[in-house]
Amino acid sequence: MWNPVRGWLRGLSRRMRRDTRRKDAGMTTSEYAMGTIAACAFAAVLYKVVTSGAVSGALQSVIGKALDAQF
């Protein structure tokens, strides 16, 4: 009874070891650096957009309407 289970587990462990050797271990330092630079650039653009006059006025309008709403 245990032989088929034991064989299945051996095959599973072999497949898992083989699959982990093929996979990428993760990002390298240069990839982290590029990701960090891209995130900072996106944050800078988003900050500029949100603090612009048109968006700031629209946000203030939405917040003002929400605070003045009747319940």
N, C-alpha and C. Protein backbone atom coordinates (compact mmCIF):
# COMPACT_ATOMS: atom_id res chain seq x y z
N MET A 1 0.81 -1.19 0.00
CA MET A 1 0.00 0.00 0.00
C MET A 1 0.86 1.26 0.00
N TRP A 2 1.97 1.27 0.69
CA TRP A 2 2.78 2.47 0.80
C TRP A 2 3.70 2.68 -0.40
N ASN A 3 3.95 1.65 -1.17
CA ASN A 3 4.87 1.80 -2.30
C ASN A 3 4.37 2.80 -3.35
N PRO A 4 3.11 2.78 -3.75
CA PRO A 4 2.67 3.80 -4.71
C PRO A 4 2.76 5.22 -4.14
N VAL A 5 2.45 5.38 -2.88
CA VAL A 5 2.53 6.70 -2.26
C VAL A 5 3.98 7.15 -2.18
N ARG A 6 4.85 6.25 -1.80
CA ARG A 6 6.27 6.58 -1.71
C ARG A 6 6.82 6.96 -3.08
N GLY A 7 6.43 6.23 -4.10
CA GLY A 7 6.87 6.55 -5.46
C GLY A 7 6.35 7.90 -5.92
N TRP A 8 5.10 8.18 -5.60
CA TRP A 8 4.51 9.47 -5.97
C TRP A 8 5.25 10.62 -5.28
N LEU A 9 5.58 10.44 -4.00
CA LEU A 9 6.29 11.48 -3.26
C LEU A 9 7.71 11.68 -3.80
N ARG A 10 8.37 10.60 -4.18
CA ARG A 10 9.72 10.74 -4.76
C ARG A 10 9.65 11.52 -6.07
N GLY A 11 8.68 11.17 -6.89
CA GLY A 11 8.53 11.89 -8.16
C GLY A 11 8.21 13.36 -7.94
N LEU A 12 7.37 13.62 -6.97
CA LEU A 12 7.01 15.01 -6.65
C LEU A 12 8.23 15.78 -6.16
N SER A 13 9.03 15.19 -5.30
CA SER A 13 10.21 15.88 -4.79
C SER A 13 11.22 16.12 -5.90
N ARG A 14 11.37 15.17 -6.83
CA ARG A 14 12.27 15.37 -7.97
C ARG A 14 11.79 16.53 -8.84
N ARG A 15 10.50 16.56 -9.11
CA ARG A 15 9.96 17.65 -9.94
C ARG A 15 10.14 19.00 -9.26
N MET A 16 9.94 19.04 -7.96
CA MET A 16 10.09 20.30 -7.25
C MET A 16 11.54 20.77 -7.27
N ARG A 17 12.47 19.86 -7.08
CA ARG A 17 13.89 20.24 -7.12
C ARG A 17 14.27 20.71 -8.51
N ARG A 18 13.80 20.03 -9.53
CA ARG A 18 14.11 20.39 -10.91
C ARG A 18 13.51 21.75 -11.24
N ASP A 19 12.28 22.01 -10.82
CA ASP A 19 11.62 23.27 -11.12
C ASP A 19 12.30 24.45 -10.41
N THR A 20 12.77 24.24 -9.19
CA THR A 20 13.39 25.35 -8.47
C THR A 20 14.75 25.70 -9.06
N ARG A 21 15.43 24.74 -9.67
CA ARG A 21 16.71 25.05 -10.29
C ARG A 21 16.53 25.88 -11.55
N ARG A 22 15.42 25.72 -12.25
CA ARG A 22 15.19 26.45 -13.49
C ARG A 22 14.67 27.85 -13.25
N LYS A 23 14.02 28.09 -12.16
CA LYS A 23 13.40 29.39 -11.92
C LYS A 23 14.46 30.45 -11.62
N ASP A 24 14.09 31.68 -11.92
CA ASP A 24 14.95 32.81 -11.62
C ASP A 24 14.94 33.04 -10.12
N ALA A 25 16.07 33.33 -9.56
CA ALA A 25 16.18 33.50 -8.11
C ALA A 25 15.59 34.83 -7.64
N GLY A 26 15.34 35.76 -8.54
CA GLY A 26 14.80 37.04 -8.16
C GLY A 26 15.47 38.16 -8.93
N MET A 27 15.18 39.37 -8.53
CA MET A 27 15.74 40.51 -9.23
C MET A 27 17.18 40.74 -8.80
N THR A 28 17.97 41.22 -9.73
CA THR A 28 19.34 41.58 -9.41
C THR A 28 19.37 43.01 -8.89
N THR A 29 20.53 43.44 -8.46
CA THR A 29 20.67 44.77 -7.89
C THR A 29 20.32 45.85 -8.93
N SER A 30 20.73 45.64 -10.17
CA SER A 30 20.43 46.64 -11.20
C SER A 30 18.93 46.72 -11.47
N GLU A 31 18.24 45.59 -11.38
CA GLU A 31 16.79 45.60 -11.58
C GLU A 31 16.10 46.33 -10.43
N TYR A 32 16.58 46.14 -9.21
CA TYR A 32 16.04 46.89 -8.08
C TYR A 32 16.27 48.38 -8.26
N ALA A 33 17.46 48.75 -8.74
CA ALA A 33 17.78 50.15 -8.95
C ALA A 33 16.86 50.76 -10.01
N MET A 34 16.65 50.07 -11.10
CA MET A 34 15.77 50.58 -12.15
C MET A 34 14.33 50.69 -11.65
N GLY A 35 13.88 49.71 -10.89
CA GLY A 35 12.53 49.76 -10.33
C GLY A 35 12.37 50.92 -9.37
N THR A 36 13.38 51.19 -8.57
CA THR A 36 13.33 52.30 -7.62
C THR A 36 13.30 53.64 -8.36
N ILE A 37 14.11 53.76 -9.39
CA ILE A 37 14.13 55.00 -10.18
C ILE A 37 12.78 55.22 -10.86
N ALA A 38 12.21 54.16 -11.41
CA ALA A 38 10.91 54.28 -12.07
C ALA A 38 9.82 54.67 -11.07
N ALA A 39 9.86 54.09 -9.88
CA ALA A 39 8.86 54.43 -8.86
C ALA A 39 9.00 55.88 -8.42
N CYS A 40 10.22 56.35 -8.27
CA CYS A 40 10.43 57.76 -7.89
C CYS A 40 9.96 58.71 -8.98
N ALA A 41 10.24 58.36 -10.24
CA ALA A 41 9.78 59.20 -11.35
C ALA A 41 8.26 59.25 -11.39
N PHE A 42 7.62 58.11 -11.21
CA PHE A 42 6.16 58.07 -11.20
C PHE A 42 5.60 58.90 -10.05
N ALA A 43 6.24 58.81 -8.88
CA ALA A 43 5.78 59.59 -7.72
C ALA A 43 5.93 61.09 -7.99
N ALA A 44 7.01 61.49 -8.65
CA ALA A 44 7.21 62.91 -8.95
C ALA A 44 6.14 63.42 -9.92
N VAL A 45 5.84 62.64 -10.95
CA VAL A 45 4.81 63.04 -11.91
C VAL A 45 3.46 63.10 -11.22
N LEU A 46 3.14 62.11 -10.41
CA LEU A 46 1.87 62.10 -9.69
C LEU A 46 1.75 63.29 -8.75
N TYR A 47 2.82 63.63 -8.08
CA TYR A 47 2.82 64.79 -7.18
C TYR A 47 2.54 66.08 -7.95
N LYS A 48 3.19 66.22 -9.09
CA LYS A 48 2.98 67.42 -9.91
C LYS A 48 1.53 67.52 -10.39
N VAL A 49 0.96 66.39 -10.77
CA VAL A 49 -0.41 66.39 -11.26
C VAL A 49 -1.38 66.73 -10.13
N VAL A 50 -1.19 66.12 -8.99
CA VAL A 50 -2.13 66.32 -7.87
C VAL A 50 -2.03 67.73 -7.31
N THR A 51 -0.84 68.32 -7.33
CA THR A 51 -0.69 69.67 -6.77
C THR A 51 -0.93 70.76 -7.80
N SER A 52 -1.29 70.40 -9.02
CA SER A 52 -1.59 71.43 -10.03
C SER A 52 -2.89 72.14 -9.65
N GLY A 53 -3.09 73.31 -10.21
CA GLY A 53 -4.24 74.13 -9.85
C GLY A 53 -5.58 73.47 -10.18
N ALA A 54 -5.68 72.87 -11.35
CA ALA A 54 -6.96 72.29 -11.78
C ALA A 54 -7.34 71.09 -10.90
N VAL A 55 -6.39 70.23 -10.66
CA VAL A 55 -6.69 69.04 -9.85
C VAL A 55 -6.93 69.43 -8.41
N SER A 56 -6.16 70.37 -7.91
CA SER A 56 -6.34 70.81 -6.53
C SER A 56 -7.72 71.43 -6.34
N GLY A 57 -8.15 72.25 -7.29
CA GLY A 57 -9.48 72.84 -7.21
C GLY A 57 -10.57 71.79 -7.28
N ALA A 58 -10.41 70.81 -8.15
CA ALA A 58 -11.40 69.74 -8.27
C ALA A 58 -11.48 68.93 -6.98
N LEU A 59 -10.33 68.62 -6.39
CA LEU A 59 -10.33 67.87 -5.13
C LEU A 59 -10.99 68.66 -4.01
N GLN A 60 -10.71 69.94 -3.95
CA GLN A 60 -11.34 70.78 -2.93
C GLN A 60 -12.85 70.84 -3.13
N SER A 61 -13.27 70.90 -4.37
CA SER A 61 -14.70 70.93 -4.67
C SER A 61 -15.38 69.64 -4.24
N VAL A 62 -14.76 68.50 -4.55
CA VAL A 62 -15.34 67.20 -4.18
C VAL A 62 -15.41 67.06 -2.66
N ILE A 63 -14.33 67.43 -1.99
CA ILE A 63 -14.31 67.33 -0.52
C ILE A 63 -15.34 68.28 0.09
N GLY A 64 -15.46 69.50 -0.45
CA GLY A 64 -16.43 70.45 0.06
C GLY A 64 -17.87 69.95 -0.11
N LYS A 65 -18.17 69.36 -1.29
CA LYS A 65 -19.50 68.81 -1.50
C LYS A 65 -19.78 67.64 -0.56
N ALA A 66 -18.77 66.84 -0.30
CA ALA A 66 -18.95 65.70 0.59
C ALA A 66 -19.21 66.15 2.03
N LEU A 67 -18.53 67.19 2.44
CA LEU A 67 -18.71 67.69 3.81
C LEU A 67 -20.04 68.44 3.98
N ASP A 68 -20.54 69.03 2.89
CA ASP A 68 -21.80 69.78 2.97
C ASP A 68 -23.01 68.93 2.66
N ALA A 69 -22.84 67.64 2.47
CA ALA A 69 -23.96 66.76 2.09
C ALA A 69 -24.95 66.64 3.24
N GLN A 70 -26.23 66.57 2.89
CA GLN A 70 -27.29 66.38 3.88
C GLN A 70 -27.45 64.89 4.18
N PHE A 71 -27.62 64.57 5.43
CA PHE A 71 -27.82 63.17 5.82
C PHE A 71 -29.24 62.94 6.26
